[in-house]
C-alpha atoms as a PDB file:
ATOM      1  CA  MET A   1       0.007   0.037  -0.020  1.00  0.00           C
ATOM      2  CA  ILE A   2       2.761   2.453   0.906  1.00  0.00           C
ATOM      3  CA  ALA A   3       4.711   1.690  -2.284  1.00  0.00           C
ATOM      4  CA  LYS A   4       1.567   2.232  -4.327  1.00  0.00           C
ATOM      5  CA  ARG A   5       0.967   5.596  -2.640  1.00  0.00           C
ATOM      6  CA  ARG A   6       4.568   6.642  -3.312  1.00  0.00           C
ATOM      7  CA  GLU A   7       4.181   5.711  -6.958  1.00  0.00           C
ATOM      8  CA  LEU A   8       1.028   7.853  -7.228  1.00  0.00           C
ATOM      9  CA  ASN A   9       2.848  10.859  -5.730  1.00  0.00           C
ATOM     10  CA  ARG A  10       5.786  10.706  -8.174  1.00  0.00           C
ATOM     11  CA  ARG A  11       6.375  14.059  -9.817  1.00  0.00           C
ATOM     12  CA  PRO A  12       6.269  14.274 -13.666  1.00  0.00           C
ATOM     13  CA  GLU A  13      10.026  14.954 -13.878  1.00  0.00           C
ATOM     14  CA  GLN A  14      10.664  11.658 -12.043  1.00  0.00           C
ATOM     15  CA  GLY A  15       8.822   9.417 -14.384  1.00  0.00           C
ATOM     16  CA  GLY A  16       7.683  11.380 -17.414  1.00  0.00           C
ATOM     17  CA  LEU A  17       4.044  12.254 -17.983  1.00  0.00           C
ATOM     18  CA  ASN A  18       3.006   8.684 -17.362  1.00  0.00           C
ATOM     19  CA  GLY A  19       4.956   8.639 -14.125  1.00  0.00           C
ATOM     20  CA  LEU A  20       1.881   9.674 -12.165  1.00  0.00           C
ATOM     21  CA  ASN A  21       0.185   6.342 -13.026  1.00  0.00           C
ATOM     22  CA  LEU A  22      -3.230   7.864 -13.840  1.00  0.00           C
ATOM     23  CA  PRO A  23      -5.530   6.056 -16.279  1.00  0.00           C
ATOM     24  CA  THR A  24      -5.322   7.221 -19.884  1.00  0.00           C
ATOM     25  CA  ASP A  25      -8.451   5.409 -21.094  1.00  0.00           C
ATOM     26  CA  ARG A  26     -11.047   7.550 -19.302  1.00  0.00           C
ATOM     27  CA  ALA A  27     -11.600  11.008 -17.964  1.00  0.00           C
ATOM     28  CA  LEU A  28      -9.978  11.680 -14.610  1.00  0.00           C
ATOM     29  CA  LYS A  29     -11.700  12.735 -11.419  1.00  0.00           C
ATOM     30  CA  VAL A  30     -10.634  15.902  -9.687  1.00  0.00           C
ATOM     31  CA  LYS A  31      -9.721  13.838  -6.587  1.00  0.00           C
ATOM     32  CA  GLU A  32      -7.367  11.644  -8.644  1.00  0.00           C
ATOM     33  CA  CYS A  33      -5.526  14.626 -10.060  1.00  0.00           C
ATOM     34  CA  ALA A  34      -5.268  16.221  -6.680  1.00  0.00           C
ATOM     35  CA  SER A  35      -3.929  13.081  -5.151  1.00  0.00           C
ATOM     36  CA  ALA A  36      -1.347  12.628  -7.883  1.00  0.00           C
ATOM     37  CA  LEU A  37      -0.012  16.176  -7.346  1.00  0.00           C
ATOM     38  CA  GLY A  38      -0.289  16.152  -3.585  1.00  0.00           C
ATOM     39  CA  VAL A  39      -2.759  19.025  -3.482  1.00  0.00           C
ATOM     40  CA  THR A  40      -6.366  19.495  -2.496  1.00  0.00           C
ATOM     41  CA  SER A  41      -9.347  18.981  -4.734  1.00  0.00           C
ATOM     42  CA  GLU A  42     -10.180  22.676  -4.161  1.00  0.00           C
ATOM     43  CA  GLN A  43      -6.874  23.628  -5.713  1.00  0.00           C
ATOM     44  CA  ILE A  44      -7.591  21.561  -8.803  1.00  0.00           C
ATOM     45  CA  ILE A  45     -11.070  23.091  -9.075  1.00  0.00           C
ATOM     46  CA  HIS A  46      -9.441  26.586  -8.821  1.00  0.00           C
ATOM     47  CA  LEU A  47      -7.106  25.685 -11.778  1.00  0.00           C
ATOM     48  CA  ILE A  48     -10.162  24.529 -13.753  1.00  0.00           C
ATOM     49  CA  GLU A  49     -12.194  27.606 -13.037  1.00  0.00           C
ATOM     50  CA  ALA A  50      -9.179  29.866 -13.775  1.00  0.00           C
ATOM     51  CA  GLY A  51      -8.909  28.237 -17.198  1.00  0.00           C
ATOM     52  CA  LYS A  52      -5.466  26.711 -16.540  1.00  0.00           C
ATOM     53  CA  LEU A  53      -6.708  23.145 -16.692  1.00  0.00           C
ATOM     54  CA  GLN A  54      -9.445  21.994 -19.189  1.00  0.00           C
ATOM     55  CA  ALA A  55     -12.233  19.973 -17.830  1.00  0.00           C
ATOM     56  CA  ILE A  56     -15.855  18.884 -18.587  1.00  0.00           C
ATOM     57  CA  ASN A  57     -18.611  19.725 -16.153  1.00  0.00           C
ATOM     58  CA  CYS A  58     -20.675  16.534 -15.873  1.00  0.00           C
ATOM     59  CA  ALA A  59     -23.134  17.881 -13.262  1.00  0.00           C
ATOM     60  CA  THR A  60     -26.752  17.140 -14.083  1.00  0.00           C
ATOM     61  CA  SER A  61     -27.744  20.785 -13.303  1.00  0.00           C
ATOM     62  CA  THR A  62     -25.708  23.888 -14.112  1.00  0.00           C
ATOM     63  CA  SER A  63     -27.166  25.723 -11.074  1.00  0.00           C
ATOM     64  CA  GLY A  64     -25.834  23.263  -8.600  1.00  0.00           C
ATOM     65  CA  ARG A  65     -22.479  21.866  -7.621  1.00  0.00           C
ATOM     66  CA  SER A  66     -20.003  21.202 -10.393  1.00  0.00           C
ATOM     67  CA  SER A  67     -18.751  17.709 -11.091  1.00  0.00           C
ATOM     68  CA  TYR A  68     -15.647  18.007 -13.264  1.00  0.00           C
ATOM     69  CA  ARG A  69     -13.872  15.349 -15.277  1.00  0.00           C
ATOM     70  CA  ILE A  70     -10.471  16.006 -16.846  1.00  0.00           C
ATOM     71  CA  PRO A  71      -9.743  14.390 -20.166  1.00  0.00           C
ATOM     72  CA  PRO A  72      -6.365  12.633 -20.234  1.00  0.00           C
ATOM     73  CA  CYS A  73      -5.120  14.870 -23.070  1.00  0.00           C
ATOM     74  CA  ALA A  74      -5.967  17.965 -21.048  1.00  0.00           C
ATOM     75  CA  TRP A  75      -4.088  16.549 -18.038  1.00  0.00           C
ATOM     76  CA  ARG A  76      -1.014  15.757 -20.152  1.00  0.00           C
ATOM     77  CA  LYS A  77      -1.046  19.343 -21.631  1.00  0.00           C
ATOM     78  CA  PHE A  78      -1.367  20.825 -18.208  1.00  0.00           C
ATOM     79  CA  LEU A  79       1.598  18.790 -16.861  1.00  0.00           C
ATOM     80  CA  GLN A  80       3.758  19.673 -19.931  1.00  0.00           C
ATOM     81  CA  ARG A  81       3.030  23.378 -19.477  1.00  0.00           C
ATOM     82  CA  ARG A  82       3.904  23.131 -15.756  1.00  0.00           C
ATOM     83  CA  ASP A  83       7.002  21.047 -16.359  1.00  0.00           C
ATOM     84  CA  THR A  84       8.265  23.675 -18.960  1.00  0.00           C
ATOM     85  CA  LEU A  85       7.710  26.429 -16.459  1.00  0.00           C
ATOM     86  CA  LEU A  86       9.662  24.542 -13.774  1.00  0.00           C
ATOM     87  CA  HIS A  87      12.429  23.265 -16.036  1.00  0.00           C
ATOM     88  CA  PRO A  88      13.015  25.756 -18.893  1.00  0.00           C
END
């Protein structure tokens, strides 16, 4: 269990974009992305609402609480942009 948790928390520069071990065959949940980066779900939602991370709002009503899903391609682009900012 501990080894698996360490693997999830690997930074992109340690294992490439796939080093975070997130699924690439389905949209990702906010909680999965937050866990992979070691941040809160609220921080991921802030990135989405600020337009820095693309996501799809899958909520049944637009007047209620948002339910975001992040496409794998949007997640990869986000990580690439961040990696470029950290390692020019």
